[in-house]
Amino acid sequence: MVHVNELLSTLVGLIGWVGAAVTIGAYALVTNGRVSPSSLAYQGLNIGGAAALALSATASGAWPSAATNLIWVAIGVQAILSLKHVAVGHLAARAARHVRRLVDDVAHDSTPAAVPVPVGALPAPLR
């Protein structure tokens, strides 16, 4: 009969190996130019791999490795937050340009735009 501790130990070891494979895979993707180091995919793979390695190292009592991988996770989270900040900035700049164009169009158009309104849409006193 398999003991729970043996099963748990095997599972944690497997999680560690998966984490190692994911981390190495992410590095290989960047090295081969398949993904950008600043991409969400790369950062996500790094975070996932490092978290799995940290779990395995913690369960094994390999504290230097556990600490290193937790720092790796923190760096990845910071990178994702920076990517989010940059993306929001790009969206805001794009929206501002669009609004500026609309304002310029309205300011330079001397004829008001006629918008047809169906009679049924008007309140009863205006019909």
N, C-alpha and C. Protein backbone atom coordinates (compact mmCIF):
# COMPACT_ATOMS: atom_id res chain seq x y z
N MET A 1 0.85 -1.18 0.00
CA MET A 1 0.00 0.00 0.00
C MET A 1 0.89 1.25 0.00
N VAL A 2 0.54 2.19 -0.87
CA VAL A 2 1.31 3.43 -0.99
C VAL A 2 0.92 4.36 0.14
N HIS A 3 1.91 4.89 0.81
CA HIS A 3 1.65 5.83 1.89
C HIS A 3 1.38 7.21 1.32
N VAL A 4 0.61 8.00 2.03
CA VAL A 4 0.26 9.35 1.62
C VAL A 4 1.51 10.20 1.48
N ASN A 5 2.46 10.04 2.40
CA ASN A 5 3.70 10.84 2.34
C ASN A 5 4.48 10.54 1.07
N GLU A 6 4.54 9.26 0.67
CA GLU A 6 5.25 8.90 -0.55
C GLU A 6 4.55 9.49 -1.77
N LEU A 7 3.24 9.44 -1.78
CA LEU A 7 2.47 9.99 -2.90
C LEU A 7 2.65 11.50 -2.99
N LEU A 8 2.60 12.15 -1.83
CA LEU A 8 2.79 13.61 -1.79
C LEU A 8 4.20 13.98 -2.23
N SER A 9 5.18 13.22 -1.80
CA SER A 9 6.56 13.47 -2.18
C SER A 9 6.74 13.30 -3.69
N THR A 10 6.13 12.29 -4.26
CA THR A 10 6.19 12.07 -5.71
C THR A 10 5.52 13.21 -6.46
N LEU A 11 4.38 13.66 -5.96
CA LEU A 11 3.66 14.74 -6.61
C LEU A 11 4.47 16.04 -6.58
N VAL A 12 5.06 16.36 -5.44
CA VAL A 12 5.87 17.57 -5.31
C VAL A 12 7.10 17.48 -6.22
N GLY A 13 7.70 16.31 -6.31
CA GLY A 13 8.83 16.11 -7.21
C GLY A 13 8.42 16.31 -8.66
N LEU A 14 7.26 15.79 -9.03
CA LEU A 14 6.74 15.97 -10.39
C LEU A 14 6.47 17.44 -10.69
N ILE A 15 5.90 18.15 -9.73
CA ILE A 15 5.65 19.58 -9.89
C ILE A 15 6.97 20.32 -10.13
N GLY A 16 8.01 19.93 -9.40
CA GLY A 16 9.32 20.54 -9.59
C GLY A 16 9.87 20.30 -10.98
N TRP A 17 9.74 19.07 -11.48
CA TRP A 17 10.22 18.76 -12.83
C TRP A 17 9.44 19.53 -13.89
N VAL A 18 8.14 19.66 -13.70
CA VAL A 18 7.33 20.44 -14.65
C VAL A 18 7.77 21.90 -14.62
N GLY A 19 8.00 22.43 -13.42
CA GLY A 19 8.48 23.80 -13.29
C GLY A 19 9.80 24.01 -14.00
N ALA A 20 10.72 23.03 -13.85
CA ALA A 20 12.02 23.13 -14.52
C ALA A 20 11.83 23.12 -16.03
N ALA A 21 10.98 22.24 -16.53
CA ALA A 21 10.74 22.16 -17.98
C ALA A 21 10.13 23.45 -18.52
N VAL A 22 9.18 24.02 -17.78
CA VAL A 22 8.53 25.26 -18.21
C VAL A 22 9.53 26.41 -18.24
N THR A 23 10.36 26.50 -17.20
CA THR A 23 11.35 27.58 -17.14
C THR A 23 12.38 27.46 -18.26
N ILE A 24 12.87 26.25 -18.49
CA ILE A 24 13.82 26.03 -19.58
C ILE A 24 13.16 26.27 -20.93
N GLY A 25 11.91 25.84 -21.06
CA GLY A 25 11.17 26.08 -22.31
C GLY A 25 11.00 27.57 -22.59
N ALA A 26 10.69 28.35 -21.56
CA ALA A 26 10.53 29.80 -21.73
C ALA A 26 11.85 30.42 -22.19
N TYR A 27 12.94 29.99 -21.58
CA TYR A 27 14.25 30.52 -21.95
C TYR A 27 14.59 30.15 -23.40
N ALA A 28 14.28 28.92 -23.79
CA ALA A 28 14.54 28.47 -25.16
C ALA A 28 13.71 29.28 -26.16
N LEU A 29 12.46 29.58 -25.82
CA LEU A 29 11.60 30.37 -26.71
C LEU A 29 12.17 31.77 -26.92
N VAL A 30 12.67 32.38 -25.87
CA VAL A 30 13.26 33.72 -25.99
C VAL A 30 14.56 33.65 -26.78
N THR A 31 15.39 32.67 -26.46
CA THR A 31 16.68 32.54 -27.12
C THR A 31 16.52 32.33 -28.62
N ASN A 32 15.51 31.58 -29.02
CA ASN A 32 15.26 31.30 -30.44
C ASN A 32 14.42 32.37 -31.11
N GLY A 33 14.08 33.43 -30.40
CA GLY A 33 13.32 34.52 -30.98
C GLY A 33 11.85 34.21 -31.21
N ARG A 34 11.32 33.18 -30.58
CA ARG A 34 9.91 32.80 -30.77
C ARG A 34 8.98 33.68 -29.94
N VAL A 35 9.47 34.17 -28.80
CA VAL A 35 8.70 35.12 -27.98
C VAL A 35 9.64 36.23 -27.52
N SER A 36 9.07 37.37 -27.21
CA SER A 36 9.84 38.50 -26.73
C SER A 36 10.04 38.37 -25.22
N PRO A 37 11.21 38.79 -24.72
CA PRO A 37 11.41 38.73 -23.27
C PRO A 37 10.45 39.64 -22.51
N SER A 38 9.89 40.63 -23.18
CA SER A 38 8.95 41.52 -22.50
C SER A 38 7.50 41.10 -22.77
N SER A 39 7.28 39.91 -23.30
CA SER A 39 5.92 39.46 -23.60
C SER A 39 5.25 38.87 -22.36
N LEU A 40 3.94 38.94 -22.37
CA LEU A 40 3.15 38.36 -21.27
C LEU A 40 3.36 36.84 -21.23
N ALA A 41 3.48 36.21 -22.39
CA ALA A 41 3.67 34.76 -22.45
C ALA A 41 4.95 34.35 -21.73
N TYR A 42 6.04 35.03 -22.04
CA TYR A 42 7.33 34.70 -21.42
C TYR A 42 7.28 34.92 -19.92
N GLN A 43 6.75 36.05 -19.50
CA GLN A 43 6.69 36.35 -18.07
C GLN A 43 5.79 35.35 -17.35
N GLY A 44 4.68 34.99 -17.98
CA GLY A 44 3.78 34.01 -17.37
C GLY A 44 4.43 32.64 -17.22
N LEU A 45 5.15 32.21 -18.26
CA LEU A 45 5.87 30.94 -18.17
C LEU A 45 6.93 30.99 -17.07
N ASN A 46 7.64 32.09 -16.99
CA ASN A 46 8.66 32.24 -15.95
C ASN A 46 8.05 32.19 -14.56
N ILE A 47 6.95 32.88 -14.37
CA ILE A 47 6.29 32.89 -13.05
C ILE A 47 5.80 31.49 -12.69
N GLY A 48 5.15 30.84 -13.63
CA GLY A 48 4.64 29.48 -13.37
C GLY A 48 5.74 28.49 -13.07
N GLY A 49 6.79 28.53 -13.88
CA GLY A 49 7.91 27.62 -13.67
C GLY A 49 8.60 27.86 -12.35
N ALA A 50 8.86 29.14 -12.04
CA ALA A 50 9.55 29.47 -10.79
C ALA A 50 8.69 29.13 -9.58
N ALA A 51 7.38 29.32 -9.68
CA ALA A 51 6.49 28.98 -8.56
C ALA A 51 6.51 27.47 -8.30
N ALA A 52 6.48 26.69 -9.37
CA ALA A 52 6.53 25.23 -9.21
C ALA A 52 7.87 24.79 -8.62
N LEU A 53 8.95 25.40 -9.09
CA LEU A 53 10.27 25.08 -8.54
C LEU A 53 10.38 25.50 -7.08
N ALA A 54 9.80 26.65 -6.73
CA ALA A 54 9.84 27.11 -5.33
C ALA A 54 9.08 26.15 -4.43
N LEU A 55 7.94 25.66 -4.89
CA LEU A 55 7.15 24.70 -4.11
C LEU A 55 7.95 23.43 -3.87
N SER A 56 8.54 22.92 -4.93
CA SER A 56 9.32 21.69 -4.82
C SER A 56 10.53 21.89 -3.92
N ALA A 57 11.22 23.02 -4.07
CA ALA A 57 12.40 23.28 -3.26
C ALA A 57 12.03 23.45 -1.78
N THR A 58 10.91 24.11 -1.52
CA THR A 58 10.46 24.30 -0.14
C THR A 58 10.14 22.96 0.51
N ALA A 59 9.44 22.10 -0.23
CA ALA A 59 9.09 20.78 0.32
C ALA A 59 10.33 19.93 0.57
N SER A 60 11.38 20.18 -0.20
CA SER A 60 12.62 19.42 -0.05
C SER A 60 13.57 20.05 0.95
N GLY A 61 13.23 21.24 1.43
CA GLY A 61 14.10 21.93 2.37
C GLY A 61 15.31 22.58 1.70
N ALA A 62 15.23 22.77 0.40
CA ALA A 62 16.32 23.42 -0.34
C ALA A 62 16.05 24.92 -0.32
N TRP A 63 16.36 25.55 0.81
CA TRP A 63 15.97 26.94 1.05
C TRP A 63 16.60 27.95 0.10
N PRO A 64 17.89 27.82 -0.26
CA PRO A 64 18.44 28.78 -1.22
C PRO A 64 17.69 28.75 -2.56
N SER A 65 17.38 27.56 -3.03
CA SER A 65 16.64 27.42 -4.28
C SER A 65 15.22 27.96 -4.14
N ALA A 66 14.58 27.68 -3.01
CA ALA A 66 13.22 28.17 -2.77
C ALA A 66 13.20 29.69 -2.77
N ALA A 67 14.16 30.30 -2.06
CA ALA A 67 14.22 31.77 -1.98
C ALA A 67 14.50 32.37 -3.36
N THR A 68 15.43 31.77 -4.09
CA THR A 68 15.76 32.27 -5.43
C THR A 68 14.54 32.24 -6.34
N ASN A 69 13.80 31.16 -6.30
CA ASN A 69 12.64 31.04 -7.16
C ASN A 69 11.50 31.96 -6.74
N LEU A 70 11.36 32.21 -5.44
CA LEU A 70 10.34 33.16 -5.00
C LEU A 70 10.70 34.58 -5.46
N ILE A 71 11.99 34.90 -5.44
CA ILE A 71 12.43 36.20 -5.97
C ILE A 71 12.16 36.26 -7.46
N TRP A 72 12.40 35.14 -8.15
CA TRP A 72 12.13 35.06 -9.59
C TRP A 72 10.65 35.32 -9.87
N VAL A 73 9.78 34.76 -9.04
CA VAL A 73 8.33 35.01 -9.18
C VAL A 73 8.03 36.49 -8.99
N ALA A 74 8.62 37.10 -7.96
CA ALA A 74 8.37 38.52 -7.68
C ALA A 74 8.83 39.39 -8.85
N ILE A 75 9.97 39.06 -9.43
CA ILE A 75 10.46 39.82 -10.58
C ILE A 75 9.49 39.68 -11.76
N GLY A 76 8.99 38.47 -11.98
CA GLY A 76 8.03 38.24 -13.06
C GLY A 76 6.72 38.99 -12.86
N VAL A 77 6.24 39.01 -11.62
CA VAL A 77 5.01 39.75 -11.31
C VAL A 77 5.22 41.24 -11.56
N GLN A 78 6.38 41.75 -11.14
CA GLN A 78 6.70 43.16 -11.38
C GLN A 78 6.74 43.45 -12.88
N ALA A 79 7.31 42.53 -13.65
CA ALA A 79 7.37 42.72 -15.11
C ALA A 79 5.97 42.76 -15.71
N ILE A 80 5.09 41.90 -15.25
CA ILE A 80 3.72 41.89 -15.77
C ILE A 80 3.00 43.18 -15.39
N LEU A 81 3.20 43.65 -14.16
CA LEU A 81 2.58 44.92 -13.77
C LEU A 81 3.10 46.07 -14.62
N SER A 82 4.39 46.04 -14.95
CA SER A 82 4.95 47.07 -15.83
C SER A 82 4.35 46.98 -17.22
N LEU A 83 4.20 45.75 -17.73
CA LEU A 83 3.58 45.56 -19.05
C LEU A 83 2.16 46.09 -19.06
N LYS A 84 1.43 45.84 -17.97
CA LYS A 84 0.06 46.32 -17.86
C LYS A 84 0.05 47.85 -17.86
N HIS A 85 0.97 48.45 -17.11
CA HIS A 85 1.05 49.91 -17.03
C HIS A 85 1.34 50.51 -18.41
N VAL A 86 2.26 49.91 -19.13
CA VAL A 86 2.61 50.38 -20.47
C VAL A 86 1.42 50.23 -21.41
N ALA A 87 0.74 49.09 -21.33
CA ALA A 87 -0.42 48.86 -22.20
C ALA A 87 -1.53 49.86 -21.92
N VAL A 88 -1.79 50.14 -20.65
CA VAL A 88 -2.82 51.12 -20.30
C VAL A 88 -2.42 52.51 -20.81
N GLY A 89 -1.14 52.84 -20.70
CA GLY A 89 -0.65 54.12 -21.21
C GLY A 89 -0.84 54.24 -22.71
N HIS A 90 -0.57 53.16 -23.45
CA HIS A 90 -0.77 53.16 -24.90
C HIS A 90 -2.25 53.33 -25.25
N LEU A 91 -3.11 52.63 -24.51
CA LEU A 91 -4.55 52.76 -24.77
C LEU A 91 -5.05 54.17 -24.48
N ALA A 92 -4.57 54.76 -23.39
CA ALA A 92 -4.98 56.13 -23.04
C ALA A 92 -4.50 57.12 -24.10
N ALA A 93 -3.27 56.95 -24.57
CA ALA A 93 -2.75 57.85 -25.62
C ALA A 93 -3.55 57.70 -26.90
N ARG A 94 -3.90 56.48 -27.23
CA ARG A 94 -4.70 56.22 -28.44
C ARG A 94 -6.08 56.87 -28.32
N ALA A 95 -6.70 56.72 -27.16
CA ALA A 95 -8.01 57.33 -26.93
C ALA A 95 -7.93 58.84 -26.99
N ALA A 96 -6.86 59.42 -26.43
CA ALA A 96 -6.68 60.88 -26.45
C ALA A 96 -6.53 61.38 -27.89
N ARG A 97 -5.76 60.65 -28.70
CA ARG A 97 -5.61 61.04 -30.11
C ARG A 97 -6.96 61.00 -30.83
N HIS A 98 -7.75 59.99 -30.55
CA HIS A 98 -9.07 59.85 -31.18
C HIS A 98 -9.99 61.01 -30.78
N VAL A 99 -9.99 61.34 -29.49
CA VAL A 99 -10.82 62.45 -29.01
C VAL A 99 -10.35 63.76 -29.63
N ARG A 100 -9.03 63.95 -29.72
CA ARG A 100 -8.49 65.17 -30.33
C ARG A 100 -8.95 65.30 -31.77
N ARG A 101 -8.92 64.19 -32.51
CA ARG A 101 -9.39 64.22 -33.91
C ARG A 101 -10.87 64.58 -34.00
N LEU A 102 -11.66 64.02 -33.10
CA LEU A 102 -13.09 64.33 -33.10
C LEU A 102 -13.34 65.80 -32.80
N VAL A 103 -12.62 66.32 -31.81
CA VAL A 103 -12.77 67.74 -31.45
C VAL A 103 -12.34 68.62 -32.61
N ASP A 104 -11.22 68.28 -33.26
CA ASP A 104 -10.76 69.05 -34.42
C ASP A 104 -11.78 69.01 -35.55
N ASP A 105 -12.36 67.84 -35.79
CA ASP A 105 -13.37 67.71 -36.84
C ASP A 105 -14.57 68.59 -36.55
N VAL A 106 -15.03 68.60 -35.32
CA VAL A 106 -16.19 69.41 -34.94
C VAL A 106 -15.83 70.90 -35.03
N ALA A 107 -14.64 71.27 -34.59
CA ALA A 107 -14.22 72.67 -34.60
C ALA A 107 -14.08 73.21 -36.01
N HIS A 108 -13.70 72.38 -36.96
CA HIS A 108 -13.48 72.83 -38.32
C HIS A 108 -14.71 72.68 -39.21
N ASP A 109 -15.73 72.05 -38.72
CA ASP A 109 -16.96 71.84 -39.50
C ASP A 109 -17.96 72.93 -39.13
N SER A 110 -18.26 73.83 -40.08
CA SER A 110 -19.15 74.95 -39.78
C SER A 110 -20.63 74.56 -39.86
N THR A 111 -20.93 73.46 -40.50
CA THR A 111 -22.32 73.04 -40.60
C THR A 111 -22.60 71.97 -39.56
N PRO A 112 -23.62 72.19 -38.76
CA PRO A 112 -23.93 71.17 -37.76
C PRO A 112 -24.40 69.89 -38.43
N ALA A 113 -24.05 68.81 -37.87
CA ALA A 113 -24.45 67.52 -38.42
C ALA A 113 -25.93 67.30 -38.16
N ALA A 114 -26.65 66.96 -39.22
CA ALA A 114 -28.07 66.66 -39.08
C ALA A 114 -28.22 65.18 -38.80
N VAL A 115 -28.86 64.89 -37.69
CA VAL A 115 -29.08 63.50 -37.31
C VAL A 115 -30.57 63.24 -37.39
N PRO A 116 -30.98 62.34 -38.29
CA PRO A 116 -32.41 62.04 -38.39
C PRO A 116 -32.92 61.35 -37.12
N VAL A 117 -34.02 61.82 -36.61
CA VAL A 117 -34.62 61.24 -35.41
C VAL A 117 -36.00 60.73 -35.79
N PRO A 118 -36.26 59.44 -35.60
CA PRO A 118 -37.59 58.92 -35.92
C PRO A 118 -38.65 59.59 -35.05
N VAL A 119 -39.80 59.84 -35.64
CA VAL A 119 -40.88 60.54 -34.92
C VAL A 119 -41.27 59.78 -33.66
N GLY A 120 -41.26 58.48 -33.71
CA GLY A 120 -41.65 57.69 -32.53
C GLY A 120 -40.67 57.87 -31.37
N ALA A 121 -39.45 58.34 -31.64
CA ALA A 121 -38.45 58.51 -30.58
C ALA A 121 -38.62 59.82 -29.83
N LEU A 122 -39.42 60.75 -30.38
CA LEU A 122 -39.64 62.04 -29.73
C LEU A 122 -40.66 61.91 -28.62
N PRO A 123 -40.52 62.70 -27.55
CA PRO A 123 -41.54 62.70 -26.51
C PRO A 123 -42.89 63.21 -27.08
N ALA A 124 -43.98 62.80 -26.50
CA ALA A 124 -45.32 63.12 -27.00
C ALA A 124 -45.55 64.60 -27.24
N PRO A 125 -45.15 65.54 -26.39
CA PRO A 125 -45.42 66.96 -26.65
C PRO A 125 -44.70 67.48 -27.90
N LEU A 126 -43.62 66.84 -28.33
CA LEU A 126 -42.85 67.33 -29.49
C LEU A 126 -43.31 66.71 -30.81
N ARG A 127 -44.23 65.79 -30.80
CA ARG A 127 -44.67 65.13 -32.03
C ARG A 127 -45.62 65.97 -32.80
